[in-house]
Amino acid sequence: MKVKNTVIKNVYYMLTYAFKVLTHNNYDQVASENFDDIYNLFAAILIKGVNKQIKQGLYKEYINRQDNIATIKGKENIKGTIKNRMQRKQLIACEYDELSEDNIFNQIIKATIVLLLKEESVQKNQLKKLMLHFSSITLIHS
């Protein structure tokens, strides 16, 4: 019983937050439409919000990478480079930051789109168009 109450409470908080955000971000069109089920409502909100984000560019953040490469990039990992040399590899172990769209925020959006696409009653054409912008984003599993 406690799990169910927690889930309902989380949905309530999410919808309360979404309602405040939606009223400030010009979602009047969504408010005036009729929806057969909650999935269509979520899809409409997601489509509108993601389309706006795509126009501004998907969120990017620096991701820490470690790789064995031919030239120095970022800072060298001496232990890794020595290990490569002992294995007769002509590679330098480096640690560097890379600006990427493949971050947790975009991964959550992609996973949400995938889940909504599995629902029969959802507007799949618009969601499929959005998925084209997320082709380089890793799919996380829920």
N, C-alpha and C. Protein backbone atom coordinates (compact mmCIF):
# COMPACT_ATOMS: atom_id res chain seq x y z
N MET A 1 0.83 -1.19 0.00
CA MET A 1 0.00 0.00 0.00
C MET A 1 0.88 1.25 0.00
N LYS A 2 2.00 1.23 0.72
CA LYS A 2 2.86 2.40 0.79
C LYS A 2 3.48 2.72 -0.58
N VAL A 3 3.85 1.69 -1.36
CA VAL A 3 4.43 1.91 -2.69
C VAL A 3 3.43 2.62 -3.57
N LYS A 4 2.16 2.18 -3.54
CA LYS A 4 1.12 2.80 -4.36
C LYS A 4 0.94 4.26 -3.97
N ASN A 5 0.91 4.55 -2.67
CA ASN A 5 0.76 5.94 -2.21
C ASN A 5 1.94 6.79 -2.65
N THR A 6 3.14 6.22 -2.60
CA THR A 6 4.35 6.94 -3.02
C THR A 6 4.28 7.25 -4.50
N VAL A 7 3.87 6.27 -5.31
CA VAL A 7 3.77 6.49 -6.75
C VAL A 7 2.74 7.57 -7.06
N ILE A 8 1.57 7.49 -6.44
CA ILE A 8 0.53 8.49 -6.66
C ILE A 8 1.01 9.87 -6.22
N LYS A 9 1.70 9.93 -5.09
CA LYS A 9 2.23 11.20 -4.62
C LYS A 9 3.26 11.76 -5.60
N ASN A 10 4.14 10.92 -6.14
CA ASN A 10 5.12 11.38 -7.12
C ASN A 10 4.45 11.88 -8.39
N VAL A 11 3.43 11.17 -8.87
CA VAL A 11 2.69 11.62 -10.05
C VAL A 11 2.02 12.96 -9.77
N TYR A 12 1.44 13.09 -8.57
CA TYR A 12 0.81 14.35 -8.20
C TYR A 12 1.82 15.50 -8.23
N TYR A 13 2.99 15.31 -7.63
CA TYR A 13 4.02 16.35 -7.63
C TYR A 13 4.49 16.68 -9.04
N MET A 14 4.68 15.63 -9.86
CA MET A 14 5.10 15.85 -11.24
C MET A 14 4.06 16.67 -12.00
N LEU A 15 2.78 16.31 -11.86
CA LEU A 15 1.73 17.04 -12.57
C LEU A 15 1.58 18.47 -12.05
N THR A 16 1.74 18.65 -10.75
CA THR A 16 1.68 20.00 -10.20
C THR A 16 2.80 20.87 -10.77
N TYR A 17 4.02 20.32 -10.82
CA TYR A 17 5.15 21.04 -11.40
C TYR A 17 4.90 21.30 -12.88
N ALA A 18 4.44 20.27 -13.59
CA ALA A 18 4.20 20.41 -15.03
C ALA A 18 3.14 21.48 -15.29
N PHE A 19 2.09 21.52 -14.47
CA PHE A 19 1.04 22.51 -14.66
C PHE A 19 1.59 23.92 -14.49
N LYS A 20 2.43 24.13 -13.47
CA LYS A 20 3.03 25.45 -13.27
C LYS A 20 3.91 25.83 -14.45
N VAL A 21 4.72 24.90 -14.92
CA VAL A 21 5.61 25.16 -16.05
C VAL A 21 4.80 25.41 -17.31
N LEU A 22 3.77 24.60 -17.52
CA LEU A 22 2.97 24.72 -18.74
C LEU A 22 2.22 26.04 -18.81
N THR A 23 1.73 26.52 -17.68
CA THR A 23 1.00 27.79 -17.71
C THR A 23 1.94 28.95 -18.01
N HIS A 24 3.23 28.82 -17.70
CA HIS A 24 4.18 29.88 -17.97
C HIS A 24 4.80 29.78 -19.36
N ASN A 25 4.65 28.64 -20.02
CA ASN A 25 5.34 28.43 -21.29
C ASN A 25 4.42 28.30 -22.48
N ASN A 26 3.26 28.92 -22.46
CA ASN A 26 2.40 29.00 -23.63
C ASN A 26 1.90 27.64 -24.12
N TYR A 27 1.37 26.83 -23.24
CA TYR A 27 0.82 25.54 -23.61
C TYR A 27 -0.71 25.60 -23.67
N ASP A 28 -1.24 26.75 -24.00
CA ASP A 28 -2.69 26.93 -24.03
C ASP A 28 -3.37 25.98 -25.01
N GLN A 29 -2.71 25.70 -26.13
CA GLN A 29 -3.28 24.80 -27.14
C GLN A 29 -3.47 23.40 -26.56
N VAL A 30 -2.51 22.93 -25.80
CA VAL A 30 -2.63 21.61 -25.18
C VAL A 30 -3.77 21.60 -24.17
N ALA A 31 -3.94 22.68 -23.45
CA ALA A 31 -4.99 22.76 -22.43
C ALA A 31 -6.38 22.72 -23.05
N SER A 32 -6.54 23.20 -24.28
CA SER A 32 -7.86 23.26 -24.90
C SER A 32 -8.22 21.99 -25.69
N GLU A 33 -7.28 21.05 -25.85
CA GLU A 33 -7.54 19.81 -26.59
C GLU A 33 -8.15 18.76 -25.67
N ASN A 34 -8.91 17.85 -26.30
CA ASN A 34 -9.45 16.70 -25.57
C ASN A 34 -8.54 15.51 -25.80
N PHE A 35 -8.25 14.78 -24.75
CA PHE A 35 -7.38 13.61 -24.84
C PHE A 35 -8.14 12.38 -24.36
N ASP A 36 -7.99 11.29 -25.12
CA ASP A 36 -8.68 10.05 -24.77
C ASP A 36 -8.08 9.39 -23.54
N ASP A 37 -6.78 9.54 -23.36
CA ASP A 37 -6.12 8.93 -22.21
C ASP A 37 -4.91 9.76 -21.81
N ILE A 38 -4.31 9.37 -20.72
CA ILE A 38 -3.18 10.12 -20.14
C ILE A 38 -1.95 10.07 -21.05
N TYR A 39 -1.78 8.97 -21.82
CA TYR A 39 -0.62 8.84 -22.70
C TYR A 39 -0.64 9.89 -23.81
N ASN A 40 -1.83 10.16 -24.34
CA ASN A 40 -1.93 11.20 -25.36
C ASN A 40 -1.62 12.58 -24.79
N LEU A 41 -2.04 12.82 -23.57
CA LEU A 41 -1.72 14.09 -22.92
C LEU A 41 -0.22 14.22 -22.72
N PHE A 42 0.41 13.17 -22.17
CA PHE A 42 1.86 13.19 -21.98
C PHE A 42 2.59 13.37 -23.31
N ALA A 43 2.13 12.68 -24.35
CA ALA A 43 2.76 12.78 -25.67
C ALA A 43 2.66 14.21 -26.20
N ALA A 44 1.49 14.83 -26.07
CA ALA A 44 1.31 16.19 -26.58
C ALA A 44 2.22 17.17 -25.86
N ILE A 45 2.31 17.04 -24.55
CA ILE A 45 3.18 17.92 -23.76
C ILE A 45 4.64 17.70 -24.15
N LEU A 46 5.04 16.43 -24.27
CA LEU A 46 6.42 16.10 -24.62
C LEU A 46 6.77 16.61 -26.02
N ILE A 47 5.88 16.41 -26.97
CA ILE A 47 6.12 16.85 -28.34
C ILE A 47 6.32 18.35 -28.39
N LYS A 48 5.45 19.09 -27.73
CA LYS A 48 5.55 20.55 -27.74
C LYS A 48 6.85 21.01 -27.08
N GLY A 49 7.18 20.43 -25.93
CA GLY A 49 8.38 20.84 -25.21
C GLY A 49 9.66 20.47 -25.94
N VAL A 50 9.71 19.26 -26.49
CA VAL A 50 10.92 18.80 -27.17
C VAL A 50 11.11 19.57 -28.48
N ASN A 51 10.04 19.84 -29.19
CA ASN A 51 10.17 20.65 -30.42
C ASN A 51 10.76 22.03 -30.11
N LYS A 52 10.34 22.61 -29.01
CA LYS A 52 10.90 23.91 -28.60
C LYS A 52 12.38 23.76 -28.26
N GLN A 53 12.73 22.69 -27.57
CA GLN A 53 14.13 22.46 -27.19
C GLN A 53 14.99 22.20 -28.42
N ILE A 54 14.47 21.48 -29.40
CA ILE A 54 15.22 21.19 -30.62
C ILE A 54 15.54 22.48 -31.36
N LYS A 55 14.61 23.41 -31.37
CA LYS A 55 14.86 24.70 -32.03
C LYS A 55 16.01 25.45 -31.35
N GLN A 56 16.13 25.30 -30.05
CA GLN A 56 17.20 25.95 -29.30
C GLN A 56 18.47 25.11 -29.30
N GLY A 57 18.34 23.84 -29.66
CA GLY A 57 19.47 22.90 -29.61
C GLY A 57 19.32 22.00 -28.40
N LEU A 58 19.61 20.73 -28.58
CA LEU A 58 19.53 19.80 -27.45
C LEU A 58 20.55 20.18 -26.39
N TYR A 59 20.21 19.89 -25.16
CA TYR A 59 21.08 20.19 -24.03
C TYR A 59 22.40 19.44 -24.18
N LYS A 60 23.49 20.15 -23.96
CA LYS A 60 24.82 19.53 -24.02
C LYS A 60 25.53 19.74 -22.70
N GLU A 61 26.36 18.79 -22.35
CA GLU A 61 27.20 18.94 -21.17
C GLU A 61 28.52 18.20 -21.41
N TYR A 62 29.52 18.55 -20.61
CA TYR A 62 30.82 17.91 -20.76
C TYR A 62 30.80 16.54 -20.10
N ILE A 63 31.24 15.55 -20.87
CA ILE A 63 31.33 14.17 -20.40
C ILE A 63 32.81 13.80 -20.33
N ASN A 64 33.23 13.20 -19.21
CA ASN A 64 34.63 12.79 -19.05
C ASN A 64 34.87 11.52 -19.84
N ARG A 65 35.89 11.52 -20.67
CA ARG A 65 36.24 10.36 -21.50
C ARG A 65 37.67 9.92 -21.17
N GLN A 66 37.90 8.63 -21.26
CA GLN A 66 39.24 8.05 -21.14
C GLN A 66 39.42 7.15 -22.34
N ASP A 67 40.51 7.36 -23.07
CA ASP A 67 40.70 6.62 -24.31
C ASP A 67 42.17 6.47 -24.63
N ASN A 68 42.49 5.47 -25.40
CA ASN A 68 43.84 5.27 -25.93
C ASN A 68 43.83 5.80 -27.36
N ILE A 69 44.58 6.88 -27.60
CA ILE A 69 44.56 7.53 -28.91
C ILE A 69 45.98 7.80 -29.39
N ALA A 70 46.10 8.18 -30.67
CA ALA A 70 47.43 8.36 -31.27
C ALA A 70 48.10 9.66 -30.85
N THR A 71 47.33 10.70 -30.54
CA THR A 71 47.91 11.98 -30.13
C THR A 71 47.32 12.41 -28.80
N ILE A 72 48.03 13.26 -28.10
CA ILE A 72 47.58 13.72 -26.78
C ILE A 72 46.35 14.60 -26.93
N LYS A 73 45.39 14.32 -26.08
CA LYS A 73 44.16 15.11 -26.01
C LYS A 73 43.79 15.20 -24.54
N GLY A 74 43.67 16.40 -24.01
CA GLY A 74 43.42 16.54 -22.58
C GLY A 74 44.67 16.29 -21.78
N LYS A 75 44.56 15.43 -20.76
CA LYS A 75 45.77 15.12 -19.99
C LYS A 75 46.12 13.65 -20.15
N GLU A 76 47.41 13.40 -20.12
CA GLU A 76 47.91 12.05 -20.34
C GLU A 76 47.82 11.25 -19.04
N ASN A 77 47.43 9.98 -19.18
CA ASN A 77 47.43 9.03 -18.08
C ASN A 77 48.72 8.22 -18.22
N ILE A 78 49.72 8.58 -17.43
CA ILE A 78 51.06 7.98 -17.55
C ILE A 78 51.02 6.46 -17.38
N LYS A 79 50.31 5.97 -16.34
CA LYS A 79 50.24 4.53 -16.11
C LYS A 79 49.65 3.81 -17.31
N GLY A 80 48.59 4.36 -17.88
CA GLY A 80 47.96 3.75 -19.05
C GLY A 80 48.86 3.77 -20.26
N THR A 81 49.61 4.86 -20.45
CA THR A 81 50.53 4.95 -21.58
C THR A 81 51.66 3.94 -21.44
N ILE A 82 52.20 3.80 -20.22
CA ILE A 82 53.26 2.81 -19.98
C ILE A 82 52.73 1.40 -20.25
N LYS A 83 51.51 1.13 -19.82
CA LYS A 83 50.90 -0.18 -20.07
C LYS A 83 50.77 -0.43 -21.58
N ASN A 84 50.35 0.59 -22.32
CA ASN A 84 50.24 0.47 -23.78
C ASN A 84 51.61 0.17 -24.40
N ARG A 85 52.65 0.86 -23.94
CA ARG A 85 54.00 0.66 -24.48
C ARG A 85 54.50 -0.76 -24.20
N MET A 86 54.19 -1.27 -22.99
CA MET A 86 54.61 -2.63 -22.65
C MET A 86 53.90 -3.66 -23.52
N GLN A 87 52.71 -3.33 -24.00
CA GLN A 87 51.96 -4.22 -24.88
C GLN A 87 52.25 -3.92 -26.35
N ARG A 88 53.27 -3.09 -26.58
CA ARG A 88 53.70 -2.72 -27.92
C ARG A 88 52.64 -1.95 -28.72
N LYS A 89 51.80 -1.24 -28.00
CA LYS A 89 50.81 -0.39 -28.65
C LYS A 89 51.36 1.02 -28.71
N GLN A 90 51.25 1.66 -29.85
CA GLN A 90 51.74 3.03 -30.02
C GLN A 90 50.62 4.03 -29.75
N LEU A 91 49.96 3.84 -28.61
CA LEU A 91 48.84 4.72 -28.25
C LEU A 91 49.12 5.40 -26.92
N ILE A 92 48.56 6.59 -26.77
CA ILE A 92 48.71 7.36 -25.54
C ILE A 92 47.38 7.30 -24.78
N ALA A 93 47.42 6.95 -23.52
CA ALA A 93 46.22 6.93 -22.68
C ALA A 93 45.93 8.36 -22.25
N CYS A 94 44.74 8.84 -22.57
CA CYS A 94 44.38 10.22 -22.27
C CYS A 94 43.03 10.29 -21.57
N GLU A 95 42.87 11.35 -20.78
CA GLU A 95 41.61 11.66 -20.13
C GLU A 95 41.25 13.08 -20.56
N TYR A 96 40.03 13.23 -21.09
CA TYR A 96 39.61 14.53 -21.61
C TYR A 96 38.11 14.70 -21.46
N ASP A 97 37.67 15.93 -21.55
CA ASP A 97 36.25 16.25 -21.50
C ASP A 97 35.75 16.53 -22.91
N GLU A 98 34.55 16.05 -23.19
CA GLU A 98 33.97 16.21 -24.52
C GLU A 98 32.55 16.75 -24.37
N LEU A 99 32.22 17.82 -25.09
CA LEU A 99 30.88 18.38 -25.08
C LEU A 99 29.96 17.45 -25.86
N SER A 100 28.92 16.97 -25.22
CA SER A 100 28.10 15.93 -25.83
C SER A 100 26.61 16.14 -25.56
N GLU A 101 25.80 15.75 -26.54
CA GLU A 101 24.35 15.72 -26.36
C GLU A 101 23.93 14.42 -25.69
N ASP A 102 24.82 13.43 -25.65
CA ASP A 102 24.51 12.13 -25.06
C ASP A 102 24.70 12.19 -23.55
N ASN A 103 23.72 12.81 -22.88
CA ASN A 103 23.77 12.96 -21.43
C ASN A 103 22.47 12.43 -20.83
N ILE A 104 22.42 12.36 -19.54
CA ILE A 104 21.28 11.73 -18.84
C ILE A 104 19.96 12.43 -19.15
N PHE A 105 19.96 13.74 -19.32
CA PHE A 105 18.71 14.47 -19.58
C PHE A 105 18.12 14.06 -20.93
N ASN A 106 18.93 14.03 -21.97
CA ASN A 106 18.46 13.63 -23.29
C ASN A 106 18.15 12.14 -23.34
N GLN A 107 18.87 11.34 -22.56
CA GLN A 107 18.60 9.90 -22.51
C GLN A 107 17.22 9.64 -21.90
N ILE A 108 16.85 10.42 -20.89
CA ILE A 108 15.53 10.27 -20.26
C ILE A 108 14.44 10.65 -21.25
N ILE A 109 14.64 11.72 -21.99
CA ILE A 109 13.66 12.14 -22.99
C ILE A 109 13.49 11.04 -24.05
N LYS A 110 14.60 10.50 -24.53
CA LYS A 110 14.54 9.44 -25.55
C LYS A 110 13.81 8.22 -25.00
N ALA A 111 14.12 7.81 -23.78
CA ALA A 111 13.46 6.65 -23.18
C ALA A 111 11.95 6.90 -23.03
N THR A 112 11.57 8.11 -22.70
CA THR A 112 10.16 8.46 -22.57
C THR A 112 9.45 8.38 -23.92
N ILE A 113 10.11 8.88 -24.97
CA ILE A 113 9.53 8.80 -26.31
C ILE A 113 9.34 7.33 -26.71
N VAL A 114 10.35 6.50 -26.44
CA VAL A 114 10.27 5.07 -26.78
C VAL A 114 9.10 4.42 -26.04
N LEU A 115 8.94 4.73 -24.77
CA LEU A 115 7.83 4.16 -23.99
C LEU A 115 6.48 4.61 -24.54
N LEU A 116 6.38 5.89 -24.91
CA LEU A 116 5.12 6.40 -25.47
C LEU A 116 4.82 5.77 -26.83
N LEU A 117 5.86 5.48 -27.60
CA LEU A 117 5.64 4.84 -28.91
C LEU A 117 5.06 3.43 -28.77
N LYS A 118 5.26 2.81 -27.63
CA LYS A 118 4.73 1.46 -27.40
C LYS A 118 3.22 1.48 -27.12
N GLU A 119 2.69 2.64 -26.76
CA GLU A 119 1.26 2.76 -26.49
C GLU A 119 0.49 2.86 -27.80
N GLU A 120 -0.63 2.15 -27.90
CA GLU A 120 -1.37 2.08 -29.15
C GLU A 120 -2.05 3.40 -29.53
N SER A 121 -2.52 4.15 -28.57
CA SER A 121 -3.36 5.31 -28.88
C SER A 121 -2.59 6.62 -29.07
N VAL A 122 -1.28 6.57 -29.02
CA VAL A 122 -0.47 7.80 -29.03
C VAL A 122 -0.18 8.26 -30.46
N GLN A 123 0.03 9.59 -30.62
CA GLN A 123 0.34 10.21 -31.91
C GLN A 123 1.76 9.80 -32.33
N LYS A 124 1.88 8.70 -33.00
CA LYS A 124 3.20 8.12 -33.28
C LYS A 124 3.97 8.89 -34.35
N ASN A 125 3.31 9.50 -35.31
CA ASN A 125 4.02 10.20 -36.39
C ASN A 125 4.92 11.31 -35.84
N GLN A 126 4.38 12.13 -34.97
CA GLN A 126 5.17 13.24 -34.41
C GLN A 126 6.28 12.74 -33.50
N LEU A 127 6.00 11.68 -32.74
CA LEU A 127 7.03 11.11 -31.87
C LEU A 127 8.17 10.50 -32.69
N LYS A 128 7.84 9.85 -33.80
CA LYS A 128 8.87 9.26 -34.66
C LYS A 128 9.75 10.35 -35.27
N LYS A 129 9.16 11.49 -35.61
CA LYS A 129 9.94 12.61 -36.13
C LYS A 129 10.91 13.13 -35.07
N LEU A 130 10.46 13.16 -33.83
CA LEU A 130 11.34 13.60 -32.74
C LEU A 130 12.51 12.64 -32.55
N MET A 131 12.25 11.35 -32.73
CA MET A 131 13.30 10.33 -32.53
C MET A 131 14.48 10.54 -33.48
N LEU A 132 14.26 11.14 -34.64
CA LEU A 132 15.35 11.41 -35.58
C LEU A 132 16.41 12.30 -34.95
N HIS A 133 16.00 13.20 -34.07
CA HIS A 133 16.94 14.12 -33.41
C HIS A 133 17.69 13.45 -32.27
N PHE A 134 17.27 12.25 -31.88
CA PHE A 134 17.87 11.55 -30.74
C PHE A 134 18.64 10.30 -31.20
N SER A 135 19.00 10.22 -32.47
CA SER A 135 19.68 9.03 -32.98
C SER A 135 21.06 8.83 -32.35
N SER A 136 21.72 9.90 -31.97
CA SER A 136 23.05 9.77 -31.37
C SER A 136 23.01 9.64 -29.85
N ILE A 137 21.81 9.62 -29.29
CA ILE A 137 21.64 9.53 -27.84
C ILE A 137 21.49 8.07 -27.43
N THR A 138 22.21 7.65 -26.41
CA THR A 138 22.14 6.29 -25.89
C THR A 138 20.77 6.06 -25.26
N LEU A 139 20.18 4.90 -25.55
CA LEU A 139 18.90 4.56 -24.96
C LEU A 139 19.12 3.90 -23.60
N ILE A 140 18.55 4.49 -22.57
CA ILE A 140 18.62 3.87 -21.25
C ILE A 140 17.36 3.04 -21.06
N HIS A 141 17.45 2.01 -20.27
CA HIS A 141 16.31 1.12 -20.06
C HIS A 141 15.69 1.45 -18.72
N SER A 142 14.35 1.47 -18.73
CA SER A 142 13.64 1.80 -17.50
C SER A 142 13.33 0.56 -16.70
